[in-house]
Amino acid sequence: MPKIMMNAFLRNRPRCLSTILLLGAIMTPMTPPAMAQLAPEQGVATTRLSGSVVDAAGTPVPGAVVVLKVGEGSASLTTTTDANGSFVFKTLRPGNYTVRAERAGVRSINVTVAVSTGDAKEIRVVLDRSEALPAASPPATPLSDEGIEFSDTPSFAVAGVTDWTAAGGHGSDATLRTSEDLTRETLRLKAQGAAEPPSEKNRASGDHNSEASLLAALAAAPQSYAANHDLGVFYLRSARFLQAVRPLQTASKLNRAAADDEYYLALACQGVGDLARAQQHIQQALAKDDTADYHRLAGELDEKLGDPLAAVQQDEYAVRMVPSEENYFVWGSELLLHRAIWQASEVFANGTRLHPTSVRMRTAWGAALFAGAKYEESATQLCAASDLDPADTAPYLFMGRIVLASPSPTACVQQKLERFLQGHPGNADAAYFYAMYLSRQSTTPAPQRAETLLRKAVELDPKYADAYLQLGILSFARRDYPEAIRFYIRAVGADPQQGEAHYRLGVAYDRTGTAEKAKQEFLLHDAIQKAQAEAVEQQRRQLKQFLIVLQNQPAYSVKP
């Protein structure tokens, strides 16, 4: 969205709905000013919230600590269940609250509840049977989704986050960087299934009517819920997020019981970059209807707002509610992003067993295995992913990356990369990656074919810096230094930040007796390498790493 439009939206955006709930509440010390956030103002009618705490079998749990919280940064109220597992909070202000319970290291999911003036609401809080599960994780009872059940109870739980100040990894730094690149590519696969209005809940008119007819319907009945809802959904599906906000907000006010409009508003606010308000709306949706789609979007927003712990808990919750391919993929991607490599591999493996035809699930599993230095297994999964849909380029591109970094790619990779080349003759990556595979085989019967494919790659893509670099390396190996220099110059022209090309160009200049040019290239190489290393280290410092609890073991920081 252009900056001018964004500024206009921020100045004139409709007021979003009020106080929200945040999952993952943490108990804080109670001070008099903080208590005032929960205590009622004088003359304001109060509410009463009571309920019971039970275990997974439905048996009351006495002596459980119950925590009540409202809003971000606010204080908590606590109480303890009696002999019957009951608890009560009296004289609360009307609003939206989160409630959780814990006892002997076992915690419940967060329960969201909205109470109005004079309400006396009752809720039920369930403690999970597994002590390994963190707060905000749901019960481990298998739930079905069109005949599929979540039955692979994870062997781990995410207990917290820590700074990743010294990145660990298997193999060389180049291998680690390849792993990080593959993780970013995995997240792009995730974007293909980005959240959108759930089709089973859409009103038909919002999908099929033209904009003109929808605007006419709204003009004829400005206070019609259907007219506002349908126009808002139309704009949302057209990615016209700014225009979607106002009719969706009007619809949400006209039908406060409907959760969909809050979900759609969250998507619209996310579309214009107002993540805080998007989070408000998705929490309002969750307060009205507890669905996997809402939890998945809540997790996406938590990650973008810098709370990966809440994000991964929301993602796990979504999988337990509906073990769909999308939910499994999002959960595994979140784990992989924060370097919980073995846990991500476990989730992708389970997701693949439940959804064996998913190309991206198996591709992501391959990326996780590579990050864990399981090179053979990684290649095997990527080859299998390419067989599921030979026209899908993603598995081949992942294979190509591991060819460049792994010691000895599996034999299946050659066959698949050759198929990639044959099926996509106009794809420069197909030519480049197969050339790189051939160049790394000491017994290849046709050494000239790799060079031919590299030349094809730069013909297909004149800005293919890596291919120019490899052509320069081949020319240098033949002692054809002038040709090597020409290819290296093309490489740095296509990508001025190609540090290796600058270095090799300096070496070639030195061999031809142009010492001053060589010196300049070496200086450029050193500056680029330093800047890139600092950027990578900064990215790693900013990335929060998950603290993992294994079953029957203490928490530890994952060091892949």
Protein backbone atom coordinates (compact mmCIF):
# COMPACT_ATOMS: atom_id res chain seq x y z
CA MET A 1 0.00 0.00 0.00
CA PRO A 2 1.41 3.46 -0.90
CA LYS A 3 2.66 5.47 2.07
CA ILE A 4 0.17 8.27 1.41
CA MET A 5 -2.76 5.84 1.59
CA MET A 6 -1.37 4.29 4.75
CA ASN A 7 -1.03 7.71 6.43
CA ALA A 8 -4.56 8.58 5.41
CA PHE A 9 -5.83 5.35 6.88
CA LEU A 10 -4.01 5.89 10.15
CA ARG A 11 -5.47 9.40 10.43
CA ASN A 12 -9.01 8.50 9.43
CA ARG A 13 -9.41 4.81 10.30
CA PRO A 14 -12.67 3.81 11.93
CA ARG A 15 -12.47 3.23 15.64
CA CYS A 16 -11.94 -0.49 16.24
CA LEU A 17 -13.70 -2.31 19.01
CA SER A 18 -12.57 -1.81 22.58
CA THR A 19 -10.50 -3.75 25.09
CA ILE A 20 -9.07 -7.05 23.91
CA LEU A 21 -7.78 -10.29 25.36
CA LEU A 22 -4.21 -11.46 24.99
CA LEU A 23 -3.39 -15.17 25.31
CA GLY A 24 -0.39 -16.34 27.27
CA ALA A 25 -1.09 -14.17 30.30
CA ILE A 26 1.78 -14.07 32.79
CA MET A 27 1.12 -13.56 36.47
CA THR A 28 2.47 -10.21 37.70
CA PRO A 29 2.84 -8.72 41.16
CA MET A 30 -0.26 -6.86 42.32
CA THR A 31 0.19 -3.21 43.24
CA PRO A 32 -2.56 -0.74 44.22
CA PRO A 33 -2.49 1.12 40.86
CA ALA A 34 -2.50 -2.17 38.99
CA MET A 35 -5.40 -3.50 41.03
CA ALA A 36 -7.39 -0.47 39.96
CA GLN A 37 -7.36 -1.82 36.41
CA LEU A 38 -9.49 -4.73 37.54
CA ALA A 39 -11.44 -3.11 40.34
CA PRO A 40 -14.73 -1.42 39.43
CA GLU A 41 -15.04 2.34 39.35
CA GLN A 42 -17.40 3.88 41.85
CA GLY A 43 -20.97 3.83 40.59
CA VAL A 44 -20.20 1.27 37.81
CA ALA A 45 -22.23 -1.93 37.88
CA THR A 46 -20.05 -4.95 38.56
CA THR A 47 -19.87 -8.47 37.22
CA ARG A 48 -19.28 -11.86 38.79
CA LEU A 49 -17.29 -14.63 37.21
CA SER A 50 -17.31 -18.11 38.70
CA GLY A 51 -16.60 -21.60 37.53
CA SER A 52 -14.83 -24.87 38.13
CA VAL A 53 -11.50 -26.47 37.31
CA VAL A 54 -11.52 -30.11 36.19
CA ASP A 55 -8.96 -32.54 34.80
CA ALA A 56 -9.17 -34.15 31.35
CA ALA A 57 -11.50 -36.82 32.75
CA GLY A 58 -13.89 -34.20 34.13
CA THR A 59 -12.93 -34.72 37.80
CA PRO A 60 -12.92 -31.51 39.92
CA VAL A 61 -9.44 -30.27 40.87
CA PRO A 62 -9.20 -28.72 44.37
CA GLY A 63 -6.32 -26.40 45.24
CA ALA A 64 -5.72 -25.22 41.66
CA VAL A 65 -4.50 -21.66 41.17
CA VAL A 66 -6.81 -19.66 38.90
CA VAL A 67 -5.44 -16.52 37.21
CA LEU A 68 -7.69 -13.79 35.81
CA LYS A 69 -6.28 -11.12 33.48
CA VAL A 70 -7.54 -8.34 31.24
CA GLY A 71 -5.53 -6.49 28.59
CA GLU A 72 -1.83 -6.24 27.76
CA GLY A 73 0.42 -5.11 30.58
CA SER A 74 -2.39 -5.26 33.09
CA ALA A 75 -2.31 -6.96 36.46
CA SER A 76 -3.65 -10.39 37.38
CA LEU A 77 -6.07 -11.52 40.04
CA THR A 78 -5.61 -14.99 41.51
CA THR A 79 -7.67 -17.32 43.62
CA THR A 80 -7.64 -21.02 44.55
CA THR A 81 -10.29 -23.62 43.89
CA ASP A 82 -12.11 -25.06 46.90
CA ALA A 83 -12.64 -28.74 47.76
CA ASN A 84 -15.18 -29.01 44.93
CA GLY A 85 -12.85 -27.47 42.36
CA SER A 86 -14.88 -24.23 42.31
CA PHE A 87 -13.71 -20.62 42.22
CA VAL A 88 -15.26 -17.16 42.03
CA PHE A 89 -14.17 -13.62 41.19
CA LYS A 90 -16.55 -10.95 42.50
CA THR A 91 -17.04 -7.23 41.84
CA LEU A 92 -15.27 -7.08 38.50
CA ARG A 93 -15.70 -4.35 35.93
CA PRO A 94 -17.53 -5.36 32.72
CA GLY A 95 -15.10 -6.35 29.99
CA ASN A 96 -13.18 -9.14 28.31
CA TYR A 97 -10.99 -11.46 30.37
CA THR A 98 -8.67 -14.43 30.06
CA VAL A 99 -8.71 -17.17 32.66
CA ARG A 100 -6.23 -19.98 33.16
CA ALA A 101 -5.56 -22.50 35.89
CA GLU A 102 -2.61 -24.58 37.00
CA ARG A 103 -1.74 -27.15 39.59
CA ALA A 104 1.40 -29.26 40.14
CA GLY A 105 2.96 -28.02 36.90
CA VAL A 106 -0.11 -28.82 34.78
CA ARG A 107 -1.75 -25.86 33.09
CA SER A 108 -4.96 -25.25 31.22
CA ILE A 109 -5.50 -23.45 27.96
CA ASN A 110 -6.45 -19.78 28.22
CA VAL A 111 -10.21 -19.36 28.36
CA THR A 112 -11.58 -16.11 26.95
CA VAL A 113 -14.82 -14.72 28.31
CA ALA A 114 -16.71 -11.46 27.82
CA VAL A 115 -18.95 -10.27 30.65
CA SER A 116 -21.42 -7.40 30.58
CA THR A 117 -22.90 -5.18 33.22
CA GLY A 118 -24.55 -7.21 35.96
CA ASP A 119 -23.56 -10.59 34.49
CA ALA A 120 -22.98 -13.64 36.66
CA LYS A 121 -21.19 -15.99 34.30
CA GLU A 122 -19.86 -19.48 34.90
CA ILE A 123 -17.04 -21.15 32.99
CA ARG A 124 -15.24 -24.50 33.03
CA VAL A 125 -11.45 -24.71 32.88
CA VAL A 126 -9.79 -28.01 31.93
CA LEU A 127 -6.31 -28.99 33.10
CA ASP A 128 -4.39 -31.08 30.60
CA ARG A 129 -3.11 -34.50 31.59
CA SER A 130 0.40 -33.90 30.26
CA GLU A 131 2.76 -31.92 32.47
CA ALA A 132 4.93 -31.21 29.45
CA LEU A 133 2.37 -28.94 27.86
CA PRO A 134 2.75 -25.17 28.38
CA ALA A 135 0.06 -22.65 29.16
CA ALA A 136 -2.34 -22.04 26.30
CA SER A 137 -1.92 -25.58 24.96
CA PRO A 138 -5.19 -27.46 24.50
CA PRO A 139 -6.14 -30.93 25.68
CA ALA A 140 -4.49 -33.81 23.88
CA THR A 141 -7.78 -35.53 23.05
CA PRO A 142 -7.80 -36.51 19.35
CA LEU A 143 -10.07 -34.28 17.28
CA SER A 144 -11.35 -35.25 13.85
CA ASP A 145 -11.22 -33.33 10.58
CA GLU A 146 -13.01 -35.15 7.79
CA GLY A 147 -11.95 -38.53 9.12
CA ILE A 148 -8.41 -37.43 10.08
CA GLU A 149 -7.44 -37.40 13.74
CA PHE A 150 -4.73 -35.63 15.63
CA SER A 151 -3.17 -38.56 17.43
CA ASP A 152 0.57 -37.86 17.34
CA THR A 153 0.91 -36.17 20.71
CA PRO A 154 4.15 -34.18 20.42
CA SER A 155 7.12 -35.28 22.47
CA PHE A 156 7.92 -31.67 23.32
CA ALA A 157 6.46 -28.38 24.45
CA VAL A 158 7.70 -24.84 23.93
CA ALA A 159 8.41 -23.43 27.37
CA GLY A 160 9.82 -20.02 26.48
CA VAL A 161 12.20 -18.06 24.27
CA THR A 162 15.77 -16.90 24.56
CA ASP A 163 18.11 -14.73 22.52
CA TRP A 164 20.03 -16.51 19.80
CA THR A 165 23.30 -14.68 20.31
CA ALA A 166 25.61 -17.46 19.14
CA ALA A 167 24.00 -19.39 16.31
CA GLY A 168 24.75 -23.07 16.44
CA GLY A 169 24.54 -25.46 13.55
CA HIS A 170 25.87 -28.55 11.87
CA GLY A 171 28.67 -28.26 9.36
CA SER A 172 30.15 -25.07 7.98
CA ASP A 173 28.78 -21.58 8.22
CA ALA A 174 27.81 -21.93 4.55
CA THR A 175 25.64 -24.91 5.49
CA LEU A 176 24.04 -22.97 8.32
CA ARG A 177 23.30 -20.07 6.01
CA THR A 178 21.78 -22.44 3.48
CA SER A 179 19.58 -23.81 6.25
CA GLU A 180 18.47 -20.29 7.12
CA ASP A 181 17.77 -19.55 3.45
CA LEU A 182 15.68 -22.71 3.17
CA THR A 183 13.74 -21.67 6.27
CA ARG A 184 12.90 -18.36 4.60
CA GLU A 185 11.85 -20.25 1.48
CA THR A 186 9.66 -22.49 3.63
CA LEU A 187 7.91 -19.42 5.03
CA ARG A 188 7.19 -18.32 1.47
CA LEU A 189 5.54 -21.68 0.88
CA LYS A 190 3.46 -20.87 3.94
CA ALA A 191 2.28 -17.64 2.34
CA GLN A 192 0.54 -19.64 -0.40
CA GLY A 193 -2.04 -20.67 2.18
CA ALA A 194 -2.42 -17.28 3.84
CA ALA A 195 -5.48 -16.67 5.96
CA GLU A 196 -8.64 -15.63 4.18
CA PRO A 197 -12.35 -15.56 4.98
CA PRO A 198 -13.39 -19.19 5.62
CA SER A 199 -15.44 -20.26 2.63
CA GLU A 200 -17.91 -22.28 4.64
CA LYS A 201 -19.04 -19.14 6.44
CA ASN A 202 -19.15 -16.66 3.56
CA ARG A 203 -22.43 -15.27 2.39
CA ALA A 204 -22.92 -16.20 -1.28
CA SER A 205 -23.76 -12.66 -2.33
CA GLY A 206 -20.45 -11.36 -1.00
CA ASP A 207 -18.62 -13.63 -3.44
CA HIS A 208 -20.69 -13.36 -6.61
CA ASN A 209 -22.27 -9.89 -6.79
CA SER A 210 -20.49 -7.06 -8.57
CA GLU A 211 -19.16 -4.05 -6.72
CA ALA A 212 -21.81 -1.84 -8.32
CA SER A 213 -24.68 -4.03 -7.13
CA LEU A 214 -23.20 -4.31 -3.65
CA LEU A 215 -22.79 -0.52 -3.41
CA ALA A 216 -26.37 -0.08 -4.63
CA ALA A 217 -27.65 -2.49 -2.01
CA LEU A 218 -25.80 -0.60 0.70
CA ALA A 219 -27.09 2.77 -0.53
CA ALA A 220 -30.63 1.41 -0.42
CA ALA A 221 -30.22 0.04 3.12
CA PRO A 222 -27.24 1.66 4.95
CA GLN A 223 -28.11 -0.13 8.19
CA SER A 224 -28.47 -3.56 6.62
CA TYR A 225 -26.11 -6.11 8.14
CA ALA A 226 -26.07 -8.19 4.96
CA ALA A 227 -25.31 -5.20 2.71
CA ASN A 228 -22.38 -4.04 4.86
CA HIS A 229 -21.07 -7.56 5.42
CA ASP A 230 -21.20 -8.53 1.75
CA LEU A 231 -19.49 -5.35 0.55
CA GLY A 232 -16.77 -5.70 3.17
CA VAL A 233 -16.08 -9.32 2.21
CA PHE A 234 -16.02 -8.36 -1.47
CA TYR A 235 -13.37 -5.72 -0.84
CA LEU A 236 -11.42 -8.10 1.38
CA ARG A 237 -11.35 -10.83 -1.26
CA SER A 238 -10.24 -8.20 -3.79
CA ALA A 239 -7.34 -7.22 -1.47
CA ARG A 240 -8.83 -3.72 -1.14
CA PHE A 241 -8.24 -3.77 2.57
CA LEU A 242 -8.69 -0.08 3.33
CA GLN A 243 -12.13 -0.05 1.69
CA ALA A 244 -13.13 -3.23 3.52
CA VAL A 245 -12.69 -1.78 7.01
CA ARG A 246 -15.69 0.55 7.26
CA PRO A 247 -18.47 -1.75 5.99
CA LEU A 248 -17.09 -4.66 8.04
CA GLN A 249 -16.98 -2.55 11.16
CA THR A 250 -20.55 -1.41 10.58
CA ALA A 251 -21.58 -5.04 10.12
CA SER A 252 -19.88 -6.02 13.37
CA LYS A 253 -21.82 -3.31 15.24
CA LEU A 254 -25.10 -4.35 13.66
CA ASN A 255 -24.60 -7.98 14.62
CA ARG A 256 -22.37 -8.14 17.66
CA ALA A 257 -22.86 -11.88 18.06
CA ALA A 258 -21.20 -12.64 14.71
CA ALA A 259 -17.54 -13.59 15.04
CA ASP A 260 -16.80 -13.66 11.30
CA ASP A 261 -16.86 -9.89 10.92
CA GLU A 262 -14.22 -9.52 13.63
CA TYR A 263 -12.09 -12.09 11.80
CA TYR A 264 -12.54 -10.25 8.52
CA LEU A 265 -11.66 -6.96 10.22
CA ALA A 266 -8.49 -8.56 11.55
CA LEU A 267 -7.56 -9.58 8.00
CA ALA A 268 -8.33 -6.09 6.68
CA CYS A 269 -6.31 -4.35 9.40
CA GLN A 270 -3.44 -6.75 8.77
CA GLY A 271 -3.69 -5.95 5.07
CA VAL A 272 -3.12 -2.23 5.69
CA GLY A 273 -0.37 -2.90 8.21
CA ASP A 274 -2.26 -2.04 11.40
CA LEU A 275 -1.23 -5.18 13.27
CA ALA A 276 -2.22 -3.96 16.73
CA ARG A 277 -5.82 -3.40 15.66
CA ALA A 278 -5.79 -6.65 13.72
CA GLN A 279 -4.86 -8.41 16.94
CA GLN A 280 -7.69 -6.65 18.76
CA HIS A 281 -10.22 -7.88 16.25
CA ILE A 282 -9.02 -11.49 16.16
CA GLN A 283 -9.20 -11.64 19.95
CA GLN A 284 -12.74 -10.28 19.77
CA ALA A 285 -13.52 -13.05 17.27
CA LEU A 286 -12.06 -15.67 19.62
CA ALA A 287 -14.14 -14.33 22.47
CA LYS A 288 -17.25 -15.04 20.38
CA ASP A 289 -16.27 -18.28 18.64
CA ASP A 290 -13.34 -20.60 19.30
CA THR A 291 -12.19 -21.84 15.86
CA ALA A 292 -8.91 -23.10 14.44
CA ASP A 293 -8.88 -20.43 11.70
CA TYR A 294 -9.04 -17.70 14.31
CA HIS A 295 -6.24 -19.24 16.37
CA ARG A 296 -4.04 -19.60 13.29
CA LEU A 297 -4.49 -15.93 12.39
CA ALA A 298 -3.90 -14.95 16.02
CA GLY A 299 -0.61 -16.85 15.88
CA GLU A 300 0.41 -15.12 12.68
CA LEU A 301 -0.23 -11.73 14.26
CA ASP A 302 1.57 -12.68 17.48
CA GLU A 303 4.67 -13.59 15.43
CA LYS A 304 4.58 -10.31 13.52
CA LEU A 305 4.14 -8.38 16.76
CA GLY A 306 7.18 -10.04 18.33
CA ASP A 307 5.58 -12.67 20.57
CA PRO A 308 6.68 -16.02 19.08
CA LEU A 309 5.83 -17.96 22.24
CA ALA A 310 2.18 -16.95 21.99
CA ALA A 311 2.31 -17.61 18.24
CA VAL A 312 3.52 -21.20 18.51
CA GLN A 313 0.97 -21.95 21.23
CA GLN A 314 -1.82 -20.62 19.03
CA ASP A 315 -0.53 -22.71 16.11
CA GLU A 316 -0.46 -25.89 18.21
CA TYR A 317 -3.95 -25.16 19.48
CA ALA A 318 -5.20 -24.81 15.88
CA VAL A 319 -3.72 -28.19 14.95
CA ARG A 320 -5.32 -29.91 17.91
CA MET A 321 -8.68 -28.40 17.02
CA VAL A 322 -8.45 -29.13 13.28
CA PRO A 323 -5.44 -31.18 12.11
CA SER A 324 -5.57 -29.77 8.60
CA GLU A 325 -2.63 -29.52 6.21
CA GLU A 326 -2.58 -25.74 6.59
CA ASN A 327 -2.54 -25.86 10.39
CA TYR A 328 0.21 -28.47 10.53
CA PHE A 329 2.29 -26.52 8.04
CA VAL A 330 1.97 -23.23 9.92
CA TRP A 331 2.88 -24.89 13.25
CA GLY A 332 5.95 -26.58 11.80
CA SER A 333 7.05 -23.39 10.04
CA GLU A 334 6.88 -21.41 13.28
CA LEU A 335 9.05 -24.00 15.03
CA LEU A 336 11.56 -24.06 12.18
CA LEU A 337 11.78 -20.26 12.08
CA HIS A 338 12.86 -20.20 15.72
CA ARG A 339 15.39 -23.01 15.31
CA ALA A 340 13.42 -25.74 17.06
CA ILE A 341 14.70 -27.95 14.26
CA TRP A 342 14.03 -31.45 15.55
CA GLN A 343 10.61 -30.42 16.80
CA ALA A 344 9.74 -28.86 13.42
CA SER A 345 10.84 -32.07 11.73
CA GLU A 346 8.56 -34.05 14.04
CA VAL A 347 5.58 -31.83 13.24
CA PHE A 348 6.22 -31.93 9.48
CA ALA A 349 6.63 -35.72 9.64
CA ASN A 350 3.32 -36.11 11.47
CA GLY A 351 1.67 -33.67 9.08
CA THR A 352 3.00 -35.62 6.11
CA ARG A 353 1.59 -38.87 7.49
CA LEU A 354 -1.83 -37.27 7.82
CA HIS A 355 -1.57 -35.41 4.50
CA PRO A 356 0.63 -37.61 2.29
CA THR A 357 -0.18 -35.73 -0.94
CA SER A 358 0.96 -32.32 0.32
CA VAL A 359 3.98 -31.18 -1.69
CA ARG A 360 4.83 -28.26 0.56
CA MET A 361 4.58 -30.33 3.75
CA ARG A 362 7.10 -32.87 2.50
CA THR A 363 9.28 -30.08 1.07
CA ALA A 364 9.32 -28.33 4.44
CA TRP A 365 10.14 -31.64 6.13
CA GLY A 366 13.15 -31.89 3.82
CA ALA A 367 14.24 -28.38 4.82
CA ALA A 368 13.99 -29.27 8.52
CA LEU A 369 15.99 -32.47 8.01
CA PHE A 370 18.70 -30.52 6.18
CA ALA A 371 18.87 -28.05 9.08
CA GLY A 372 19.52 -31.03 11.34
CA ALA A 373 22.35 -32.30 9.09
CA LYS A 374 20.22 -35.24 7.91
CA TYR A 375 21.37 -34.70 4.33
CA GLU A 376 20.42 -38.09 2.90
CA GLU A 377 16.99 -38.05 4.52
CA SER A 378 16.47 -34.46 3.42
CA ALA A 379 17.20 -35.31 -0.22
CA THR A 380 14.94 -38.36 -0.03
CA GLN A 381 11.97 -36.29 1.15
CA LEU A 382 12.58 -33.58 -1.45
CA CYS A 383 12.75 -36.19 -4.20
CA ALA A 384 9.49 -37.70 -2.94
CA ALA A 385 7.90 -34.23 -2.86
CA SER A 386 8.85 -33.64 -6.50
CA ASP A 387 7.20 -36.94 -7.46
CA LEU A 388 3.90 -35.81 -5.94
CA ASP A 389 3.63 -33.01 -8.48
CA PRO A 390 6.45 -32.92 -11.05
CA ALA A 391 5.22 -29.53 -12.28
CA ASP A 392 5.74 -27.87 -8.87
CA THR A 393 9.14 -26.16 -8.91
CA ALA A 394 9.57 -25.73 -5.14
CA PRO A 395 11.05 -29.19 -4.34
CA TYR A 396 13.57 -28.84 -7.18
CA LEU A 397 14.68 -25.41 -5.98
CA PHE A 398 15.19 -26.79 -2.47
CA MET A 399 17.13 -29.73 -3.96
CA GLY A 400 19.32 -27.32 -5.86
CA ARG A 401 20.17 -25.44 -2.69
CA ILE A 402 21.19 -28.58 -0.82
CA VAL A 403 23.34 -29.67 -3.80
CA LEU A 404 25.40 -26.53 -3.23
CA ALA A 405 25.81 -27.12 0.50
CA SER A 406 25.63 -30.81 1.36
CA PRO A 407 28.69 -33.07 1.09
CA SER A 408 27.19 -35.76 -1.19
CA PRO A 409 23.60 -35.43 -2.46
CA THR A 410 21.55 -38.61 -2.76
CA ALA A 411 21.48 -40.31 -6.16
CA CYS A 412 17.79 -39.52 -6.59
CA VAL A 413 18.65 -35.83 -6.85
CA GLN A 414 20.29 -36.21 -10.28
CA GLN A 415 17.22 -37.86 -11.75
CA LYS A 416 14.87 -35.23 -10.32
CA LEU A 417 17.00 -32.26 -11.34
CA GLU A 418 17.27 -33.68 -14.86
CA ARG A 419 13.48 -33.99 -14.92
CA PHE A 420 13.25 -30.38 -13.73
CA LEU A 421 15.43 -29.32 -16.66
CA GLN A 422 13.44 -31.34 -19.19
CA GLY A 423 10.07 -30.20 -17.86
CA HIS A 424 11.08 -26.53 -17.55
CA PRO A 425 13.46 -25.80 -20.45
CA GLY A 426 12.94 -22.06 -20.06
CA ASN A 427 13.78 -22.00 -16.35
CA ALA A 428 17.27 -20.61 -15.64
CA ASP A 429 17.33 -22.22 -12.19
CA ALA A 430 16.74 -25.65 -13.73
CA ALA A 431 19.80 -25.24 -15.96
CA TYR A 432 21.96 -23.79 -13.18
CA PHE A 433 21.20 -26.35 -10.49
CA TYR A 434 21.66 -29.33 -12.79
CA ALA A 435 24.93 -27.82 -13.97
CA MET A 436 26.08 -27.49 -10.37
CA TYR A 437 25.15 -31.09 -9.67
CA LEU A 438 27.20 -32.26 -12.66
CA SER A 439 30.15 -30.06 -11.74
CA ARG A 440 30.36 -31.72 -8.33
CA GLN A 441 30.52 -35.24 -9.73
CA SER A 442 34.12 -36.33 -10.23
CA THR A 443 33.11 -39.15 -12.59
CA THR A 444 30.72 -37.22 -14.78
CA PRO A 445 31.09 -38.47 -18.38
CA ALA A 446 30.34 -35.09 -19.96
CA PRO A 447 32.31 -32.31 -18.19
CA GLN A 448 31.41 -29.86 -20.91
CA ARG A 449 27.69 -30.25 -20.28
CA ALA A 450 27.87 -28.31 -17.01
CA GLU A 451 29.40 -25.33 -18.80
CA THR A 452 26.82 -25.58 -21.57
CA LEU A 453 24.02 -25.47 -19.00
CA LEU A 454 25.58 -22.50 -17.23
CA ARG A 455 25.72 -20.62 -20.50
CA LYS A 456 22.08 -21.52 -21.06
CA ALA A 457 21.22 -20.18 -17.61
CA VAL A 458 22.69 -16.73 -18.38
CA GLU A 459 20.97 -16.70 -21.76
CA LEU A 460 17.65 -17.32 -20.06
CA ASP A 461 18.44 -14.83 -17.29
CA PRO A 462 21.12 -12.21 -18.18
CA LYS A 463 21.17 -11.15 -14.51
CA TYR A 464 22.05 -14.61 -13.14
CA ALA A 465 25.12 -13.61 -11.09
CA ASP A 466 25.81 -17.08 -9.67
CA ALA A 467 25.94 -18.62 -13.14
CA TYR A 468 28.39 -15.94 -14.35
CA LEU A 469 30.53 -16.64 -11.29
CA GLN A 470 30.69 -20.37 -12.07
CA LEU A 471 31.52 -19.68 -15.72
CA GLY A 472 34.34 -17.47 -14.54
CA ILE A 473 35.63 -20.23 -12.26
CA LEU A 474 35.65 -22.69 -15.17
CA SER A 475 37.50 -20.24 -17.41
CA PHE A 476 40.04 -19.52 -14.68
CA ALA A 477 40.64 -23.25 -14.24
CA ARG A 478 41.58 -23.37 -17.96
CA ARG A 479 43.95 -20.42 -17.36
CA ASP A 480 41.84 -18.31 -19.68
CA TYR A 481 42.15 -15.29 -17.41
CA PRO A 482 40.72 -12.66 -19.79
CA GLU A 483 37.53 -14.70 -20.23
CA ALA A 484 37.36 -15.34 -16.49
CA ILE A 485 37.64 -11.60 -15.87
CA ARG A 486 34.79 -10.93 -18.32
CA PHE A 487 32.52 -13.42 -16.54
CA TYR A 488 33.44 -12.09 -13.08
CA ILE A 489 32.68 -8.54 -14.23
CA ARG A 490 29.29 -9.73 -15.48
CA ALA A 491 28.69 -11.41 -12.11
CA VAL A 492 29.39 -8.26 -10.05
CA GLY A 493 27.41 -6.22 -12.55
CA ALA A 494 24.40 -8.46 -11.99
CA ASP A 495 24.93 -8.50 -8.23
CA PRO A 496 27.32 -5.88 -6.79
CA GLN A 497 27.09 -7.60 -3.41
CA GLN A 498 28.49 -10.87 -4.77
CA GLY A 499 31.53 -10.97 -2.51
CA GLU A 500 33.07 -14.13 -3.95
CA ALA A 501 32.96 -12.69 -7.46
CA HIS A 502 34.87 -9.60 -6.29
CA TYR A 503 37.49 -11.79 -4.64
CA ARG A 504 37.96 -14.05 -7.66
CA LEU A 505 38.07 -11.02 -9.94
CA GLY A 506 40.86 -9.67 -7.77
CA VAL A 507 42.77 -12.94 -8.10
CA ALA A 508 42.32 -12.89 -11.89
CA TYR A 509 43.53 -9.29 -12.07
CA ASP A 510 46.54 -10.23 -9.98
CA ARG A 511 47.39 -13.08 -12.38
CA THR A 512 47.28 -10.68 -15.32
CA GLY A 513 49.54 -8.14 -13.61
CA THR A 514 46.95 -5.44 -12.87
CA ALA A 515 47.75 -5.15 -9.17
CA GLU A 516 45.86 -1.91 -8.51
CA LYS A 517 42.61 -3.32 -9.85
CA ALA A 518 43.20 -6.48 -7.84
CA LYS A 519 43.65 -4.44 -4.67
CA GLN A 520 40.37 -2.59 -5.24
CA GLU A 521 38.47 -5.85 -5.72
CA PHE A 522 39.97 -7.35 -2.56
CA LEU A 523 38.94 -4.26 -0.59
CA LEU A 524 35.41 -4.49 -1.99
CA HIS A 525 35.28 -8.19 -1.09
CA ASP A 526 36.39 -7.50 2.50
CA ALA A 527 33.85 -4.69 2.94
CA ILE A 528 31.00 -6.79 1.55
CA GLN A 529 31.91 -9.81 3.66
CA LYS A 530 32.06 -7.69 6.81
CA ALA A 531 28.72 -5.99 6.10
CA GLN A 532 27.01 -9.28 5.29
CA ALA A 533 28.40 -10.99 8.38
CA GLU A 534 27.20 -8.12 10.56
CA ALA A 535 23.76 -8.24 8.95
CA VAL A 536 23.48 -12.00 9.50
CA GLU A 537 24.59 -11.68 13.11
CA GLN A 538 22.08 -8.87 13.67
CA GLN A 539 19.29 -11.00 12.22
CA ARG A 540 20.27 -13.88 14.47
CA ARG A 541 20.35 -11.65 17.54
CA GLN A 542 16.86 -10.40 16.73
CA LEU A 543 15.49 -13.91 16.27
CA LYS A 544 14.11 -15.44 19.43
CA GLN A 545 15.03 -19.08 19.93
CA PHE A 546 12.53 -21.46 21.48
CA LEU A 547 13.19 -23.13 24.82
CA ILE A 548 11.96 -26.71 24.59
CA VAL A 549 10.70 -29.10 27.24
CA LEU A 550 10.94 -32.77 26.36
CA GLN A 551 8.71 -35.31 28.04
CA ASN A 552 10.06 -36.08 31.51
CA GLN A 553 13.04 -33.78 30.97
CA PRO A 554 13.82 -30.17 32.01
CA ALA A 555 13.69 -27.22 29.66
CA TYR A 556 16.63 -26.63 27.36
CA SER A 557 17.57 -24.21 24.63
CA VAL A 558 17.66 -25.88 21.23
CA LYS A 559 21.16 -25.90 19.81
CA PRO A 560 20.81 -27.47 16.36
